[in-house]
Amino acid sequence: MEHVVARAEAHAADVLRARTIHGLLTAAFNFKVFLARVPDAGPIGQAEVHRISEIAERVIQHIDERIDTRGGSHGAKLELASLVYRMRARLEEIVRWSRHFAA
Protein backbone atom coordinates (compact mmCIF):
# COMPACT_ATOMS: atom_id res chain seq x y z
CA MET A 1 0.00 0.00 0.00
CA GLU A 2 2.16 2.75 -1.33
CA HIS A 3 -0.29 5.45 -0.25
CA VAL A 4 0.54 4.69 3.39
CA VAL A 5 4.22 5.32 2.70
CA ALA A 6 3.35 8.55 0.86
CA ARG A 7 1.33 9.71 3.86
CA ALA A 8 4.23 8.87 6.16
CA GLU A 9 6.53 10.97 3.97
CA ALA A 10 4.07 13.89 4.00
CA HIS A 11 3.75 13.82 7.80
CA ALA A 12 7.52 13.51 8.16
CA ALA A 13 8.02 16.53 5.91
CA ASP A 14 5.75 18.54 8.23
CA VAL A 15 7.94 17.59 11.20
CA LEU A 16 11.15 18.43 9.37
CA ARG A 17 9.76 21.79 8.19
CA ALA A 18 8.53 22.94 11.58
CA ARG A 19 10.36 26.09 12.66
CA THR A 20 8.68 26.80 15.99
CA ILE A 21 8.38 24.56 19.00
CA HIS A 22 4.59 24.76 18.70
CA GLY A 23 4.77 23.77 15.03
CA LEU A 24 7.05 20.86 15.90
CA LEU A 25 4.74 19.69 18.68
CA THR A 26 1.76 19.78 16.33
CA ALA A 27 3.55 18.00 13.49
CA ALA A 28 5.05 15.38 15.83
CA PHE A 29 1.64 14.71 17.37
CA ASN A 30 0.11 14.31 13.91
CA PHE A 31 2.89 11.88 12.92
CA LYS A 32 2.25 9.84 16.07
CA VAL A 33 -1.48 9.74 15.27
CA PHE A 34 -0.66 8.63 11.71
CA LEU A 35 1.48 5.77 13.04
CA ALA A 36 -1.32 4.68 15.37
CA ARG A 37 -3.69 4.47 12.39
CA VAL A 38 -1.45 2.46 10.07
CA PRO A 39 -3.03 -0.87 11.10
CA ASP A 40 -6.43 0.55 10.13
CA ALA A 41 -5.20 0.93 6.55
CA GLY A 42 -5.29 -2.82 6.07
CA PRO A 43 -2.48 -5.31 5.52
CA ILE A 44 0.77 -3.86 4.22
CA GLY A 45 3.89 -5.60 3.04
CA GLN A 46 7.23 -5.85 4.76
CA ALA A 47 8.72 -3.38 2.29
CA GLU A 48 6.18 -0.75 3.35
CA VAL A 49 6.75 -1.51 7.04
CA HIS A 50 10.48 -1.12 6.48
CA ARG A 51 9.99 2.21 4.67
CA ILE A 52 7.66 3.54 7.38
CA SER A 53 10.21 2.50 10.01
CA GLU A 54 12.99 4.35 8.16
CA ILE A 55 10.83 7.46 7.88
CA ALA A 56 9.89 7.29 11.55
CA GLU A 57 13.52 6.90 12.60
CA ARG A 58 14.39 10.02 10.58
CA VAL A 59 11.56 11.92 12.31
CA ILE A 60 12.61 10.68 15.76
CA GLN A 61 16.24 11.63 15.13
CA HIS A 62 15.17 15.12 14.05
CA ILE A 63 13.02 15.57 17.16
CA ASP A 64 15.81 14.32 19.42
CA GLU A 65 18.20 16.82 17.84
CA ARG A 66 15.70 19.63 18.34
CA ILE A 67 15.26 18.65 21.99
CA ASP A 68 19.04 18.75 22.48
CA THR A 69 19.95 21.85 20.51
CA ARG A 70 17.12 24.36 20.31
CA GLY A 71 15.21 26.54 22.68
CA GLY A 72 11.82 25.77 24.01
CA SER A 73 10.34 25.32 27.40
CA HIS A 74 11.15 22.37 29.57
CA GLY A 75 7.50 21.30 29.30
CA ALA A 76 7.60 21.36 25.49
CA LYS A 77 10.75 19.27 25.50
CA LEU A 78 9.14 16.77 27.84
CA GLU A 79 6.11 16.56 25.54
CA LEU A 80 8.38 15.98 22.53
CA ALA A 81 10.22 13.23 24.41
CA SER A 82 6.87 11.65 25.29
CA LEU A 83 5.81 11.78 21.64
CA VAL A 84 9.06 10.07 20.61
CA TYR A 85 8.37 7.31 23.15
CA ARG A 86 4.83 6.86 21.81
CA MET A 87 6.09 6.85 18.19
CA ARG A 88 8.46 4.01 19.03
CA ALA A 89 5.62 2.11 20.69
CA ARG A 90 3.42 2.59 17.60
CA LEU A 91 6.26 1.33 15.39
CA GLU A 92 6.52 -1.82 17.49
CA GLU A 93 2.77 -2.32 17.11
CA ILE A 94 3.02 -1.88 13.33
CA VAL A 95 5.75 -4.52 13.14
CA ARG A 96 3.78 -6.98 15.28
CA TRP A 97 0.62 -6.31 13.29
CA SER A 98 2.37 -6.78 9.95
CA ARG A 99 3.90 -10.07 11.10
CA HIS A 100 0.47 -11.26 12.16
CA PHE A 101 -0.93 -10.65 8.68
CA ALA A 102 2.17 -12.08 6.98
CA ALA A 103 1.83 -15.38 8.84
C-alpha atoms as a PDB file:
ATOM      1  CA  MET A   1       0.000   0.000   0.000  1.00  0.00           C
ATOM      2  CA  GLU A   2       2.165   2.749  -1.331  1.00  0.00           C
ATOM      3  CA  HIS A   3      -0.290   5.449  -0.249  1.00  0.00           C
ATOM      4  CA  VAL A   4       0.539   4.691   3.394  1.00  0.00           C
ATOM      5  CA  VAL A   5       4.220   5.323   2.700  1.00  0.00           C
ATOM      6  CA  ALA A   6       3.354   8.548   0.859  1.00  0.00           C
ATOM      7  CA  ARG A   7       1.326   9.710   3.860  1.00  0.00           C
ATOM      8  CA  ALA A   8       4.230   8.873   6.162  1.00  0.00           C
ATOM      9  CA  GLU A   9       6.529  10.970   3.971  1.00  0.00           C
ATOM     10  CA  ALA A  10       4.068  13.886   4.001  1.00  0.00           C
ATOM     11  CA  HIS A  11       3.748  13.821   7.797  1.00  0.00           C
ATOM     12  CA  ALA A  12       7.522  13.507   8.155  1.00  0.00           C
ATOM     13  CA  ALA A  13       8.018  16.534   5.911  1.00  0.00           C
ATOM     14  CA  ASP A  14       5.755  18.536   8.228  1.00  0.00           C
ATOM     15  CA  VAL A  15       7.941  17.589  11.199  1.00  0.00           C
ATOM     16  CA  LEU A  16      11.155  18.429   9.373  1.00  0.00           C
ATOM     17  CA  ARG A  17       9.765  21.788   8.187  1.00  0.00           C
ATOM     18  CA  ALA A  18       8.535  22.938  11.585  1.00  0.00           C
ATOM     19  CA  ARG A  19      10.364  26.088  12.659  1.00  0.00           C
ATOM     20  CA  THR A  20       8.681  26.804  15.986  1.00  0.00           C
ATOM     21  CA  ILE A  21       8.376  24.556  18.996  1.00  0.00           C
ATOM     22  CA  HIS A  22       4.590  24.763  18.699  1.00  0.00           C
ATOM     23  CA  GLY A  23       4.768  23.768  15.030  1.00  0.00           C
ATOM     24  CA  LEU A  24       7.047  20.864  15.902  1.00  0.00           C
ATOM     25  CA  LEU A  25       4.739  19.689  18.681  1.00  0.00           C
ATOM     26  CA  THR A  26       1.756  19.785  16.332  1.00  0.00           C
ATOM     27  CA  ALA A  27       3.547  17.998  13.493  1.00  0.00           C
ATOM     28  CA  ALA A  28       5.053  15.384  15.829  1.00  0.00           C
ATOM     29  CA  PHE A  29       1.644  14.709  17.373  1.00  0.00           C
ATOM     30  CA  ASN A  30       0.110  14.312  13.910  1.00  0.00           C
ATOM     31  CA  PHE A  31       2.888  11.882  12.916  1.00  0.00           C
ATOM     32  CA  LYS A  32       2.253   9.841  16.066  1.00  0.00           C
ATOM     33  CA  VAL A  33      -1.476   9.735  15.267  1.00  0.00           C
ATOM     34  CA  PHE A  34      -0.664   8.627  11.714  1.00  0.00           C
ATOM     35  CA  LEU A  35       1.483   5.772  13.043  1.00  0.00           C
ATOM     36  CA  ALA A  36      -1.321   4.685  15.367  1.00  0.00           C
ATOM     37  CA  ARG A  37      -3.691   4.473  12.395  1.00  0.00           C
ATOM     38  CA  VAL A  38      -1.445   2.464  10.074  1.00  0.00           C
ATOM     39  CA  PRO A  39      -3.031  -0.871  11.105  1.00  0.00           C
ATOM     40  CA  ASP A  40      -6.434   0.546  10.132  1.00  0.00           C
ATOM     41  CA  ALA A  41      -5.203   0.934   6.547  1.00  0.00           C
ATOM     42  CA  GLY A  42      -5.294  -2.822   6.070  1.00  0.00           C
ATOM     43  CA  PRO A  43      -2.478  -5.308   5.523  1.00  0.00           C
ATOM     44  CA  ILE A  44       0.771  -3.855   4.217  1.00  0.00           C
ATOM     45  CA  GLY A  45       3.890  -5.602   3.040  1.00  0.00           C
ATOM     46  CA  GLN A  46       7.232  -5.853   4.762  1.00  0.00           C
ATOM     47  CA  ALA A  47       8.722  -3.375   2.289  1.00  0.00           C
ATOM     48  CA  GLU A  48       6.179  -0.749   3.347  1.00  0.00           C
ATOM     49  CA  VAL A  49       6.754  -1.507   7.038  1.00  0.00           C
ATOM     50  CA  HIS A  50      10.485  -1.120   6.480  1.00  0.00           C
ATOM     51  CA  ARG A  51       9.992   2.214   4.670  1.00  0.00           C
ATOM     52  CA  ILE A  52       7.661   3.539   7.376  1.00  0.00           C
ATOM     53  CA  SER A  53      10.211   2.499  10.012  1.00  0.00           C
ATOM     54  CA  GLU A  54      12.985   4.350   8.159  1.00  0.00           C
ATOM     55  CA  ILE A  55      10.833   7.461   7.876  1.00  0.00           C
ATOM     56  CA  ALA A  56       9.887   7.289  11.552  1.00  0.00           C
ATOM     57  CA  GLU A  57      13.521   6.904  12.596  1.00  0.00           C
ATOM     58  CA  ARG A  58      14.386  10.019  10.579  1.00  0.00           C
ATOM     59  CA  VAL A  59      11.565  11.920  12.309  1.00  0.00           C
ATOM     60  CA  ILE A  60      12.614  10.681  15.756  1.00  0.00           C
ATOM     61  CA  GLN A  61      16.236  11.634  15.128  1.00  0.00           C
ATOM     62  CA  HIS A  62      15.172  15.118  14.054  1.00  0.00           C
ATOM     63  CA  ILE A  63      13.016  15.568  17.158  1.00  0.00           C
ATOM     64  CA  ASP A  64      15.813  14.321  19.419  1.00  0.00           C
ATOM     65  CA  GLU A  65      18.203  16.822  17.836  1.00  0.00           C
ATOM     66  CA  ARG A  66      15.698  19.632  18.343  1.00  0.00           C
ATOM     67  CA  ILE A  67      15.264  18.650  21.988  1.00  0.00           C
ATOM     68  CA  ASP A  68      19.039  18.748  22.480  1.00  0.00           C
ATOM     69  CA  THR A  69      19.948  21.853  20.509  1.00  0.00           C
ATOM     70  CA  ARG A  70      17.121  24.357  20.313  1.00  0.00           C
ATOM     71  CA  GLY A  71      15.212  26.538  22.680  1.00  0.00           C
ATOM     72  CA  GLY A  72      11.822  25.771  24.007  1.00  0.00           C
ATOM     73  CA  SER A  73      10.337  25.321  27.404  1.00  0.00           C
ATOM     74  CA  HIS A  74      11.146  22.371  29.568  1.00  0.00           C
ATOM     75  CA  GLY A  75       7.497  21.300  29.297  1.00  0.00           C
ATOM     76  CA  ALA A  76       7.596  21.360  25.494  1.00  0.00           C
ATOM     77  CA  LYS A  77      10.754  19.274  25.498  1.00  0.00           C
ATOM     78  CA  LEU A  78       9.137  16.766  27.843  1.00  0.00           C
ATOM     79  CA  GLU A  79       6.106  16.556  25.543  1.00  0.00           C
ATOM     80  CA  LEU A  80       8.379  15.979  22.535  1.00  0.00           C
ATOM     81  CA  ALA A  81      10.220  13.228  24.413  1.00  0.00           C
ATOM     82  CA  SER A  82       6.871  11.645  25.289  1.00  0.00           C
ATOM     83  CA  LEU A  83       5.812  11.778  21.640  1.00  0.00           C
ATOM     84  CA  VAL A  84       9.058  10.068  20.608  1.00  0.00           C
ATOM     85  CA  TYR A  85       8.374   7.308  23.150  1.00  0.00           C
ATOM     86  CA  ARG A  86       4.833   6.858  21.811  1.00  0.00           C
ATOM     87  CA  MET A  87       6.091   6.850  18.192  1.00  0.00           C
ATOM     88  CA  ARG A  88       8.458   4.014  19.035  1.00  0.00           C
ATOM     89  CA  ALA A  89       5.618   2.110  20.686  1.00  0.00           C
ATOM     90  CA  ARG A  90       3.423   2.594  17.601  1.00  0.00           C
ATOM     91  CA  LEU A  91       6.265   1.328  15.389  1.00  0.00           C
ATOM     92  CA  GLU A  92       6.516  -1.825  17.490  1.00  0.00           C
ATOM     93  CA  GLU A  93       2.772  -2.324  17.112  1.00  0.00           C
ATOM     94  CA  ILE A  94       3.020  -1.883  13.330  1.00  0.00           C
ATOM     95  CA  VAL A  95       5.753  -4.521  13.139  1.00  0.00           C
ATOM     96  CA  ARG A  96       3.782  -6.982  15.283  1.00  0.00           C
ATOM     97  CA  TRP A  97       0.617  -6.306  13.290  1.00  0.00           C
ATOM     98  CA  SER A  98       2.368  -6.777   9.951  1.00  0.00           C
ATOM     99  CA  ARG A  99       3.904 -10.067  11.099  1.00  0.00           C
ATOM    100  CA  HIS A 100       0.472 -11.263  12.162  1.00  0.00           C
ATOM    101  CA  PHE A 101      -0.925 -10.653   8.678  1.00  0.00           C
ATOM    102  CA  ALA A 102       2.168 -12.081   6.984  1.00  0.00           C
ATOM    103  CA  ALA A 103       1.834 -15.376   8.839  1.00  0.00           C
END
